[in-house]
Amino acid sequence: MPNYDKLNVPQSLVYCQNANLAKMMLQKILDNAKAGVNQQAQSEFENIIQECQGIVRCADYWVFVVRFHVISREIDLALEALHKGFQAGAQPSNLLFTTQQSLNELQKKLEKQKTPKNLQNLPQISNEYFHQSQTLIGKPPTVHKWTDDEINRYQQEKLHKGKVDPVVVMTVPGQLGKLYK
């Protein structure tokens, strides 16, 4: 279960016209999350935006939302909230930039951790496939034995067309082989 103990409601919501209502609503979301009920948190964040004019311009609000989603392990929602904060022109913007850097570092760490889990979740391959592969590998390669007629026909076709392989040793019965380059 996520631990929301280190997350606090922002005290400074400078641009919010009804900061006290916003703080109460954020505290309610936080209390519900601590009690294990945070399924409706996203819709409650949207309600705060509707009811509290100017809160979208408060960077502290967006940082709270991002941290909430990170603790909830909802990284996509955290990224979305950060993007909304940038779009709204939330101030101070350096707070959003710092949050973005931290979120980027977190994503890199999570990507490194995801790889082994993804490998473990691959479907198991039946042993029959391995036995079939071993059977196929164990067979000797097919080798075509060229007859004298095939060799002579090949040589005549190449000479007739004026094309010669890069290196071909031609042997004609009764003569030494000639090397063509």
N, C-alpha and C. Protein backbone atom coordinates (compact mmCIF):
# COMPACT_ATOMS: atom_id res chain seq x y z
N MET A 1 0.85 -1.19 0.00
CA MET A 1 0.00 0.00 0.00
C MET A 1 0.89 1.24 0.00
N PRO A 2 0.56 2.20 -0.83
CA PRO A 2 1.38 3.42 -0.89
C PRO A 2 1.39 4.17 0.44
N ASN A 3 2.50 4.83 0.72
CA ASN A 3 2.66 5.58 1.96
C ASN A 3 2.59 7.08 1.66
N TYR A 4 1.50 7.70 2.05
CA TYR A 4 1.27 9.12 1.79
C TYR A 4 1.68 10.00 2.97
N ASP A 5 2.37 9.45 3.96
CA ASP A 5 2.69 10.20 5.17
C ASP A 5 3.58 11.42 4.90
N LYS A 6 4.47 11.34 3.92
CA LYS A 6 5.38 12.45 3.66
C LYS A 6 4.76 13.52 2.74
N LEU A 7 3.57 13.29 2.27
CA LEU A 7 2.90 14.24 1.39
C LEU A 7 2.02 15.17 2.22
N ASN A 8 2.22 16.46 2.04
CA ASN A 8 1.44 17.46 2.76
C ASN A 8 0.72 18.37 1.79
N VAL A 9 -0.44 18.85 2.21
CA VAL A 9 -1.21 19.79 1.40
C VAL A 9 -0.42 21.08 1.29
N PRO A 10 -0.32 21.66 0.10
CA PRO A 10 0.43 22.91 -0.06
C PRO A 10 -0.21 24.05 0.73
N GLN A 11 0.61 24.82 1.41
CA GLN A 11 0.11 25.94 2.21
C GLN A 11 0.02 27.23 1.40
N SER A 12 0.77 27.30 0.32
CA SER A 12 0.81 28.51 -0.48
C SER A 12 0.14 28.27 -1.82
N LEU A 13 -1.09 28.74 -1.94
CA LEU A 13 -1.82 28.68 -3.21
C LEU A 13 -2.15 30.12 -3.59
N VAL A 14 -1.13 30.85 -3.99
CA VAL A 14 -1.18 32.30 -4.17
C VAL A 14 -2.25 32.74 -5.15
N TYR A 15 -2.37 32.08 -6.28
CA TYR A 15 -3.28 32.53 -7.33
C TYR A 15 -4.70 32.01 -7.17
N CYS A 16 -4.92 31.15 -6.20
CA CYS A 16 -6.23 30.55 -5.99
C CYS A 16 -7.14 31.53 -5.26
N GLN A 17 -8.34 31.77 -5.79
CA GLN A 17 -9.27 32.72 -5.18
C GLN A 17 -9.92 32.15 -3.93
N ASN A 18 -10.02 30.84 -3.85
CA ASN A 18 -10.62 30.20 -2.68
C ASN A 18 -9.64 29.16 -2.14
N ALA A 19 -8.52 29.65 -1.62
CA ALA A 19 -7.43 28.77 -1.19
C ALA A 19 -7.85 27.85 -0.05
N ASN A 20 -8.67 28.34 0.88
CA ASN A 20 -9.07 27.51 2.02
C ASN A 20 -9.90 26.31 1.56
N LEU A 21 -10.83 26.54 0.64
CA LEU A 21 -11.63 25.44 0.10
C LEU A 21 -10.73 24.43 -0.62
N ALA A 22 -9.79 24.94 -1.40
CA ALA A 22 -8.87 24.06 -2.12
C ALA A 22 -8.05 23.22 -1.15
N LYS A 23 -7.56 23.83 -0.09
CA LYS A 23 -6.77 23.09 0.90
C LYS A 23 -7.62 22.01 1.58
N MET A 24 -8.88 22.34 1.89
CA MET A 24 -9.75 21.35 2.52
C MET A 24 -10.01 20.18 1.57
N MET A 25 -10.23 20.48 0.30
CA MET A 25 -10.50 19.42 -0.68
C MET A 25 -9.25 18.55 -0.89
N LEU A 26 -8.09 19.17 -0.93
CA LEU A 26 -6.84 18.41 -1.08
C LEU A 26 -6.59 17.54 0.15
N GLN A 27 -6.89 18.08 1.33
CA GLN A 27 -6.71 17.30 2.56
C GLN A 27 -7.65 16.10 2.56
N LYS A 28 -8.87 16.28 2.05
CA LYS A 28 -9.83 15.17 1.97
C LYS A 28 -9.30 14.08 1.04
N ILE A 29 -8.75 14.48 -0.11
CA ILE A 29 -8.17 13.51 -1.05
C ILE A 29 -7.03 12.75 -0.37
N LEU A 30 -6.19 13.49 0.34
CA LEU A 30 -5.04 12.89 1.01
C LEU A 30 -5.50 11.94 2.12
N ASP A 31 -6.48 12.35 2.91
CA ASP A 31 -7.00 11.48 3.98
C ASP A 31 -7.61 10.21 3.40
N ASN A 32 -8.37 10.34 2.31
CA ASN A 32 -8.95 9.16 1.67
C ASN A 32 -7.86 8.22 1.15
N ALA A 33 -6.81 8.79 0.59
CA ALA A 33 -5.71 7.97 0.07
C ALA A 33 -5.01 7.24 1.20
N LYS A 34 -4.82 7.92 2.33
CA LYS A 34 -4.18 7.28 3.48
C LYS A 34 -5.04 6.14 4.01
N ALA A 35 -6.36 6.27 3.84
CA ALA A 35 -7.29 5.22 4.27
C ALA A 35 -7.43 4.12 3.23
N GLY A 36 -6.75 4.28 2.09
CA GLY A 36 -6.78 3.26 1.06
C GLY A 36 -7.86 3.46 0.01
N VAL A 37 -8.47 4.64 0.00
CA VAL A 37 -9.53 4.93 -0.96
C VAL A 37 -9.07 6.08 -1.85
N ASN A 38 -8.44 5.74 -2.97
CA ASN A 38 -7.99 6.82 -3.87
C ASN A 38 -8.39 6.56 -5.32
N GLN A 39 -9.44 5.76 -5.51
CA GLN A 39 -9.89 5.47 -6.87
C GLN A 39 -10.46 6.71 -7.56
N GLN A 40 -11.06 7.60 -6.79
CA GLN A 40 -11.70 8.78 -7.37
C GLN A 40 -10.81 10.02 -7.29
N ALA A 41 -9.57 9.85 -6.96
CA ALA A 41 -8.69 11.00 -6.76
C ALA A 41 -8.59 11.86 -8.01
N GLN A 42 -8.47 11.24 -9.17
CA GLN A 42 -8.32 12.01 -10.41
C GLN A 42 -9.54 12.90 -10.65
N SER A 43 -10.73 12.36 -10.46
CA SER A 43 -11.94 13.17 -10.66
C SER A 43 -12.04 14.26 -9.60
N GLU A 44 -11.57 13.98 -8.38
CA GLU A 44 -11.59 14.99 -7.33
C GLU A 44 -10.60 16.12 -7.63
N PHE A 45 -9.46 15.79 -8.23
CA PHE A 45 -8.53 16.84 -8.65
C PHE A 45 -9.17 17.73 -9.71
N GLU A 46 -9.91 17.12 -10.61
CA GLU A 46 -10.61 17.90 -11.64
C GLU A 46 -11.69 18.79 -11.01
N ASN A 47 -12.38 18.28 -9.98
CA ASN A 47 -13.39 19.08 -9.28
C ASN A 47 -12.77 20.30 -8.62
N ILE A 48 -11.59 20.12 -8.04
CA ILE A 48 -10.91 21.25 -7.41
C ILE A 48 -10.63 22.33 -8.44
N ILE A 49 -10.20 21.92 -9.62
CA ILE A 49 -9.91 22.89 -10.68
C ILE A 49 -11.18 23.66 -11.06
N GLN A 50 -12.32 22.96 -11.10
CA GLN A 50 -13.59 23.60 -11.45
C GLN A 50 -14.08 24.55 -10.36
N GLU A 51 -13.93 24.14 -9.11
CA GLU A 51 -14.50 24.91 -8.00
C GLU A 51 -13.59 26.03 -7.50
N CYS A 52 -12.30 25.90 -7.69
CA CYS A 52 -11.36 26.89 -7.14
C CYS A 52 -10.67 27.63 -8.27
N GLN A 53 -11.20 28.79 -8.61
CA GLN A 53 -10.65 29.59 -9.69
C GLN A 53 -9.20 29.97 -9.40
N GLY A 54 -8.36 29.85 -10.41
CA GLY A 54 -6.97 30.28 -10.30
C GLY A 54 -6.01 29.24 -9.77
N ILE A 55 -6.52 28.10 -9.32
CA ILE A 55 -5.61 27.09 -8.75
C ILE A 55 -4.70 26.49 -9.81
N VAL A 56 -5.14 26.51 -11.07
CA VAL A 56 -4.30 25.94 -12.13
C VAL A 56 -3.02 26.75 -12.34
N ARG A 57 -3.00 27.99 -11.87
CA ARG A 57 -1.80 28.83 -12.00
C ARG A 57 -0.85 28.66 -10.81
N CYS A 58 -1.21 27.80 -9.86
CA CYS A 58 -0.37 27.56 -8.68
C CYS A 58 0.49 26.32 -8.90
N ALA A 59 1.79 26.52 -9.00
CA ALA A 59 2.71 25.40 -9.21
C ALA A 59 2.67 24.43 -8.03
N ASP A 60 2.44 24.95 -6.83
CA ASP A 60 2.38 24.09 -5.65
C ASP A 60 1.25 23.05 -5.77
N TYR A 61 0.14 23.45 -6.35
CA TYR A 61 -0.97 22.52 -6.57
C TYR A 61 -0.52 21.39 -7.49
N TRP A 62 0.11 21.74 -8.61
CA TRP A 62 0.51 20.73 -9.60
C TRP A 62 1.59 19.81 -9.03
N VAL A 63 2.49 20.36 -8.23
CA VAL A 63 3.53 19.52 -7.61
C VAL A 63 2.87 18.54 -6.65
N PHE A 64 1.87 19.00 -5.90
CA PHE A 64 1.14 18.10 -5.01
C PHE A 64 0.50 16.96 -5.80
N VAL A 65 -0.17 17.30 -6.90
CA VAL A 65 -0.85 16.28 -7.72
C VAL A 65 0.17 15.29 -8.29
N VAL A 66 1.30 15.81 -8.77
CA VAL A 66 2.34 14.94 -9.33
C VAL A 66 2.86 14.00 -8.25
N ARG A 67 3.18 14.54 -7.09
CA ARG A 67 3.70 13.70 -6.00
C ARG A 67 2.67 12.66 -5.57
N PHE A 68 1.41 13.06 -5.53
CA PHE A 68 0.33 12.13 -5.18
C PHE A 68 0.32 10.94 -6.14
N HIS A 69 0.38 11.24 -7.44
CA HIS A 69 0.34 10.17 -8.44
C HIS A 69 1.61 9.32 -8.42
N VAL A 70 2.74 9.93 -8.13
CA VAL A 70 3.98 9.15 -8.04
C VAL A 70 3.89 8.18 -6.87
N ILE A 71 3.41 8.65 -5.74
CA ILE A 71 3.26 7.76 -4.58
C ILE A 71 2.26 6.65 -4.90
N SER A 72 1.23 6.98 -5.68
CA SER A 72 0.23 5.97 -6.07
C SER A 72 0.73 5.06 -7.18
N ARG A 73 1.94 5.32 -7.66
CA ARG A 73 2.56 4.57 -8.76
C ARG A 73 1.79 4.72 -10.07
N GLU A 74 1.26 5.91 -10.27
CA GLU A 74 0.55 6.25 -11.51
C GLU A 74 1.39 7.29 -12.25
N ILE A 75 2.49 6.85 -12.81
CA ILE A 75 3.45 7.76 -13.42
C ILE A 75 2.85 8.48 -14.62
N ASP A 76 2.01 7.80 -15.38
CA ASP A 76 1.39 8.45 -16.55
C ASP A 76 0.52 9.63 -16.12
N LEU A 77 -0.24 9.45 -15.04
CA LEU A 77 -1.07 10.54 -14.54
C LEU A 77 -0.20 11.67 -13.98
N ALA A 78 0.92 11.31 -13.38
CA ALA A 78 1.84 12.34 -12.86
C ALA A 78 2.39 13.17 -14.01
N LEU A 79 2.78 12.51 -15.09
CA LEU A 79 3.28 13.24 -16.26
C LEU A 79 2.19 14.13 -16.86
N GLU A 80 0.99 13.62 -16.91
CA GLU A 80 -0.13 14.39 -17.45
C GLU A 80 -0.39 15.64 -16.59
N ALA A 81 -0.35 15.48 -15.27
CA ALA A 81 -0.57 16.61 -14.37
C ALA A 81 0.54 17.65 -14.54
N LEU A 82 1.77 17.20 -14.67
CA LEU A 82 2.88 18.13 -14.86
C LEU A 82 2.71 18.89 -16.17
N HIS A 83 2.29 18.19 -17.20
CA HIS A 83 2.06 18.82 -18.50
C HIS A 83 0.96 19.88 -18.40
N LYS A 84 -0.11 19.56 -17.67
CA LYS A 84 -1.20 20.53 -17.48
C LYS A 84 -0.70 21.77 -16.73
N GLY A 85 0.18 21.56 -15.76
CA GLY A 85 0.75 22.69 -15.03
C GLY A 85 1.54 23.61 -15.93
N PHE A 86 2.34 23.02 -16.81
CA PHE A 86 3.10 23.83 -17.77
C PHE A 86 2.16 24.57 -18.73
N GLN A 87 1.12 23.87 -19.19
CA GLN A 87 0.17 24.49 -20.12
C GLN A 87 -0.56 25.67 -19.48
N ALA A 88 -0.87 25.54 -18.19
CA ALA A 88 -1.60 26.60 -17.50
C ALA A 88 -0.69 27.77 -17.13
N GLY A 89 0.61 27.60 -17.31
CA GLY A 89 1.54 28.67 -16.95
C GLY A 89 1.67 28.84 -15.45
N ALA A 90 1.64 27.73 -14.73
CA ALA A 90 1.71 27.77 -13.27
C ALA A 90 3.02 28.41 -12.81
N GLN A 91 2.90 29.15 -11.70
CA GLN A 91 4.05 29.87 -11.14
C GLN A 91 4.30 29.40 -9.72
N PRO A 92 5.50 29.35 -9.23
CA PRO A 92 6.75 29.62 -9.92
C PRO A 92 7.13 28.45 -10.84
N SER A 93 7.52 28.78 -12.05
CA SER A 93 7.80 27.76 -13.06
C SER A 93 9.03 26.94 -12.72
N ASN A 94 9.98 27.53 -11.97
CA ASN A 94 11.17 26.75 -11.61
C ASN A 94 10.81 25.56 -10.74
N LEU A 95 9.73 25.66 -9.98
CA LEU A 95 9.26 24.54 -9.17
C LEU A 95 8.79 23.40 -10.07
N LEU A 96 8.11 23.75 -11.16
CA LEU A 96 7.68 22.72 -12.12
C LEU A 96 8.87 22.10 -12.84
N PHE A 97 9.87 22.92 -13.18
CA PHE A 97 11.06 22.38 -13.86
C PHE A 97 11.80 21.40 -12.95
N THR A 98 11.93 21.75 -11.68
CA THR A 98 12.59 20.85 -10.73
C THR A 98 11.81 19.54 -10.60
N THR A 99 10.49 19.66 -10.54
CA THR A 99 9.65 18.46 -10.46
C THR A 99 9.80 17.61 -11.70
N GLN A 100 9.89 18.27 -12.85
CA GLN A 100 10.06 17.54 -14.11
C GLN A 100 11.38 16.76 -14.11
N GLN A 101 12.45 17.38 -13.63
CA GLN A 101 13.74 16.69 -13.58
C GLN A 101 13.67 15.48 -12.66
N SER A 102 13.04 15.64 -11.52
CA SER A 102 12.90 14.51 -10.59
C SER A 102 12.07 13.39 -11.20
N LEU A 103 11.02 13.77 -11.90
CA LEU A 103 10.15 12.78 -12.53
C LEU A 103 10.89 12.04 -13.65
N ASN A 104 11.72 12.76 -14.39
CA ASN A 104 12.51 12.12 -15.45
C ASN A 104 13.49 11.11 -14.87
N GLU A 105 14.14 11.47 -13.76
CA GLU A 105 15.06 10.54 -13.09
C GLU A 105 14.32 9.31 -12.59
N LEU A 106 13.13 9.53 -12.05
CA LEU A 106 12.33 8.41 -11.57
C LEU A 106 11.95 7.48 -12.71
N GLN A 107 11.58 8.06 -13.84
CA GLN A 107 11.22 7.24 -15.01
C GLN A 107 12.40 6.39 -15.45
N LYS A 108 13.60 6.96 -15.46
CA LYS A 108 14.79 6.19 -15.86
C LYS A 108 15.01 5.02 -14.91
N LYS A 109 14.85 5.26 -13.62
CA LYS A 109 15.02 4.18 -12.65
C LYS A 109 13.97 3.09 -12.85
N LEU A 110 12.74 3.50 -13.12
CA LEU A 110 11.67 2.53 -13.32
C LEU A 110 11.89 1.72 -14.58
N GLU A 111 12.40 2.34 -15.63
CA GLU A 111 12.68 1.61 -16.87
C GLU A 111 13.72 0.52 -16.63
N LYS A 112 14.73 0.83 -15.82
CA LYS A 112 15.75 -0.18 -15.52
C LYS A 112 15.15 -1.33 -14.73
N GLN A 113 14.21 -1.03 -13.85
CA GLN A 113 13.60 -2.07 -13.03
C GLN A 113 12.57 -2.88 -13.80
N LYS A 114 11.96 -2.30 -14.83
CA LYS A 114 10.91 -3.00 -15.58
C LYS A 114 11.45 -4.16 -16.39
N THR A 115 12.65 -4.04 -16.87
CA THR A 115 13.17 -5.04 -17.79
C THR A 115 13.14 -6.46 -17.21
N PRO A 116 13.68 -6.71 -16.01
CA PRO A 116 13.62 -8.08 -15.51
C PRO A 116 12.19 -8.58 -15.32
N LYS A 117 11.28 -7.70 -14.87
CA LYS A 117 9.90 -8.13 -14.68
C LYS A 117 9.28 -8.50 -16.02
N ASN A 118 9.57 -7.71 -17.03
CA ASN A 118 9.03 -8.00 -18.36
C ASN A 118 9.54 -9.34 -18.85
N LEU A 119 10.79 -9.63 -18.58
CA LEU A 119 11.34 -10.90 -19.03
C LEU A 119 10.70 -12.07 -18.30
N GLN A 120 10.36 -11.87 -17.04
CA GLN A 120 9.71 -12.93 -16.28
C GLN A 120 8.28 -13.17 -16.76
N ASN A 121 7.65 -12.16 -17.32
CA ASN A 121 6.26 -12.28 -17.75
C ASN A 121 6.11 -12.86 -19.14
N LEU A 122 7.20 -13.20 -19.80
CA LEU A 122 7.10 -13.78 -21.13
C LEU A 122 6.43 -15.15 -21.05
N PRO A 123 5.65 -15.50 -22.05
CA PRO A 123 5.01 -16.83 -22.02
C PRO A 123 6.07 -17.92 -22.10
N GLN A 124 5.81 -19.00 -21.41
CA GLN A 124 6.75 -20.12 -21.40
C GLN A 124 6.69 -20.85 -22.74
N ILE A 125 7.84 -21.22 -23.24
CA ILE A 125 7.93 -21.94 -24.51
C ILE A 125 7.95 -23.43 -24.20
N SER A 126 7.12 -24.16 -24.91
CA SER A 126 7.02 -25.59 -24.70
C SER A 126 8.33 -26.28 -25.06
N ASN A 127 8.66 -27.34 -24.34
CA ASN A 127 9.88 -28.10 -24.62
C ASN A 127 9.83 -28.79 -25.97
N GLU A 128 8.64 -29.00 -26.50
CA GLU A 128 8.51 -29.65 -27.81
C GLU A 128 9.26 -28.87 -28.89
N TYR A 129 9.22 -27.56 -28.79
CA TYR A 129 9.91 -26.75 -29.79
C TYR A 129 11.42 -26.96 -29.73
N PHE A 130 11.93 -27.09 -28.51
CA PHE A 130 13.37 -27.31 -28.37
C PHE A 130 13.77 -28.67 -28.93
N HIS A 131 12.96 -29.69 -28.64
CA HIS A 131 13.26 -31.02 -29.16
C HIS A 131 13.19 -31.04 -30.68
N GLN A 132 12.21 -30.35 -31.24
CA GLN A 132 12.09 -30.28 -32.69
C GLN A 132 13.30 -29.57 -33.29
N SER A 133 13.74 -28.50 -32.67
CA SER A 133 14.92 -27.78 -33.16
C SER A 133 16.15 -28.66 -33.10
N GLN A 134 16.31 -29.40 -32.00
CA GLN A 134 17.47 -30.27 -31.88
C GLN A 134 17.44 -31.36 -32.95
N THR A 135 16.26 -31.86 -33.26
CA THR A 135 16.13 -32.88 -34.30
C THR A 135 16.54 -32.31 -35.64
N LEU A 136 16.08 -31.10 -35.94
CA LEU A 136 16.43 -30.48 -37.21
C LEU A 136 17.91 -30.16 -37.30
N ILE A 137 18.48 -29.69 -36.20
CA ILE A 137 19.90 -29.35 -36.19
C ILE A 137 20.75 -30.61 -36.32
N GLY A 138 20.30 -31.71 -35.72
CA GLY A 138 21.07 -32.94 -35.74
C GLY A 138 21.17 -33.59 -37.10
N LYS A 139 20.31 -33.24 -38.04
CA LYS A 139 20.36 -33.85 -39.37
C LYS A 139 21.53 -33.26 -40.15
N PRO A 140 22.21 -34.11 -40.93
CA PRO A 140 23.32 -33.58 -41.72
C PRO A 140 22.80 -32.68 -42.83
N PRO A 141 23.59 -31.72 -43.25
CA PRO A 141 23.14 -30.84 -44.32
C PRO A 141 23.00 -31.62 -45.63
N THR A 142 22.10 -31.16 -46.45
CA THR A 142 21.90 -31.79 -47.76
C THR A 142 22.97 -31.29 -48.70
N VAL A 143 23.69 -32.21 -49.31
CA VAL A 143 24.76 -31.85 -50.25
C VAL A 143 24.39 -32.40 -51.61
N HIS A 144 24.44 -31.54 -52.59
CA HIS A 144 24.13 -31.97 -53.95
C HIS A 144 25.42 -32.44 -54.61
N LYS A 145 25.41 -33.65 -55.08
CA LYS A 145 26.57 -34.20 -55.79
C LYS A 145 26.42 -33.85 -57.26
N TRP A 146 27.33 -33.06 -57.78
CA TRP A 146 27.28 -32.64 -59.18
C TRP A 146 27.79 -33.77 -60.07
N THR A 147 27.04 -34.02 -61.11
CA THR A 147 27.49 -35.02 -62.09
C THR A 147 28.37 -34.32 -63.12
N ASP A 148 29.13 -35.11 -63.86
CA ASP A 148 30.00 -34.54 -64.90
C ASP A 148 29.19 -33.78 -65.94
N ASP A 149 28.03 -34.28 -66.29
CA ASP A 149 27.18 -33.60 -67.28
C ASP A 149 26.74 -32.22 -66.77
N GLU A 150 26.36 -32.13 -65.50
CA GLU A 150 25.93 -30.85 -64.93
C GLU A 150 27.08 -29.85 -64.90
N ILE A 151 28.26 -30.34 -64.54
CA ILE A 151 29.44 -29.46 -64.49
C ILE A 151 29.76 -28.94 -65.88
N ASN A 152 29.78 -29.81 -66.87
CA ASN A 152 30.09 -29.40 -68.25
C ASN A 152 29.04 -28.42 -68.77
N ARG A 153 27.77 -28.67 -68.51
CA ARG A 153 26.70 -27.78 -68.97
C ARG A 153 26.86 -26.40 -68.32
N TYR A 154 27.19 -26.39 -67.03
CA TYR A 154 27.39 -25.13 -66.31
C TYR A 154 28.55 -24.35 -66.93
N GLN A 155 29.64 -25.06 -67.17
CA GLN A 155 30.82 -24.40 -67.73
C GLN A 155 30.53 -23.85 -69.12
N GLN A 156 29.82 -24.60 -69.93
CA GLN A 156 29.51 -24.15 -71.29
C GLN A 156 28.60 -22.93 -71.26
N GLU A 157 27.61 -22.92 -70.36
CA GLU A 157 26.71 -21.77 -70.27
C GLU A 157 27.46 -20.52 -69.85
N LYS A 158 28.37 -20.66 -68.92
CA LYS A 158 29.14 -19.51 -68.46
C LYS A 158 30.06 -18.99 -69.55
N LEU A 159 30.71 -19.89 -70.26
CA LEU A 159 31.62 -19.46 -71.33
C LEU A 159 30.84 -18.86 -72.48
N HIS A 160 29.68 -19.44 -72.76
CA HIS A 160 28.88 -18.97 -73.89
C HIS A 160 28.36 -17.55 -73.63
N LYS A 161 27.96 -17.27 -72.39
CA LYS A 161 27.44 -15.95 -72.06
C LYS A 161 28.57 -14.94 -71.83
N GLY A 162 29.78 -15.41 -71.75
CA GLY A 162 30.91 -14.52 -71.52
C GLY A 162 31.06 -14.12 -70.07
N LYS A 163 30.36 -14.78 -69.22
CA LYS A 163 30.44 -14.45 -67.79
C LYS A 163 31.15 -15.59 -67.08
N VAL A 164 32.03 -15.21 -66.22
CA VAL A 164 32.76 -16.20 -65.46
C VAL A 164 32.69 -15.79 -64.00
N ASP A 165 32.50 -16.74 -63.10
CA ASP A 165 32.49 -16.44 -61.68
C ASP A 165 33.82 -15.81 -61.29
N PRO A 166 33.86 -15.08 -60.16
CA PRO A 166 35.11 -14.43 -59.76
C PRO A 166 36.30 -15.37 -59.75
N VAL A 167 36.15 -16.54 -59.20
CA VAL A 167 37.23 -17.53 -59.23
C VAL A 167 36.58 -18.87 -59.51
N VAL A 168 36.89 -19.44 -60.66
CA VAL A 168 36.33 -20.73 -61.03
C VAL A 168 37.46 -21.60 -61.54
N VAL A 169 37.56 -22.77 -61.00
CA VAL A 169 38.54 -23.71 -61.50
C VAL A 169 37.79 -24.67 -62.41
N MET A 170 38.16 -24.64 -63.69
CA MET A 170 37.48 -25.49 -64.66
C MET A 170 38.37 -26.67 -64.99
N THR A 171 37.79 -27.80 -64.96
CA THR A 171 38.55 -28.99 -65.35
C THR A 171 37.84 -29.65 -66.51
N VAL A 172 38.59 -29.91 -67.52
CA VAL A 172 38.08 -30.64 -68.68
C VAL A 172 38.83 -31.96 -68.69
N PRO A 173 38.12 -33.06 -68.88
CA PRO A 173 38.81 -34.35 -68.84
C PRO A 173 40.02 -34.37 -69.77
N GLY A 174 41.14 -34.78 -69.23
CA GLY A 174 42.36 -34.89 -70.01
C GLY A 174 43.20 -33.62 -70.00
N GLN A 175 42.72 -32.51 -69.39
CA GLN A 175 43.49 -31.27 -69.34
C GLN A 175 43.63 -30.83 -67.89
N LEU A 176 44.61 -29.99 -67.64
CA LEU A 176 44.77 -29.42 -66.31
C LEU A 176 43.70 -28.35 -66.10
N GLY A 177 43.34 -28.11 -64.84
CA GLY A 177 42.35 -27.08 -64.55
C GLY A 177 42.88 -25.70 -64.85
N LYS A 178 42.03 -24.81 -65.35
CA LYS A 178 42.40 -23.44 -65.64
C LYS A 178 41.76 -22.54 -64.59
N LEU A 179 42.49 -21.55 -64.15
CA LEU A 179 42.00 -20.62 -63.14
C LEU A 179 41.59 -19.33 -63.82
N TYR A 180 40.34 -18.95 -63.67
CA TYR A 180 39.84 -17.70 -64.23
C TYR A 180 39.55 -16.74 -63.10
N LYS A 181 39.92 -15.50 -63.31
CA LYS A 181 39.62 -14.48 -62.30
C LYS A 181 38.77 -13.40 -62.91
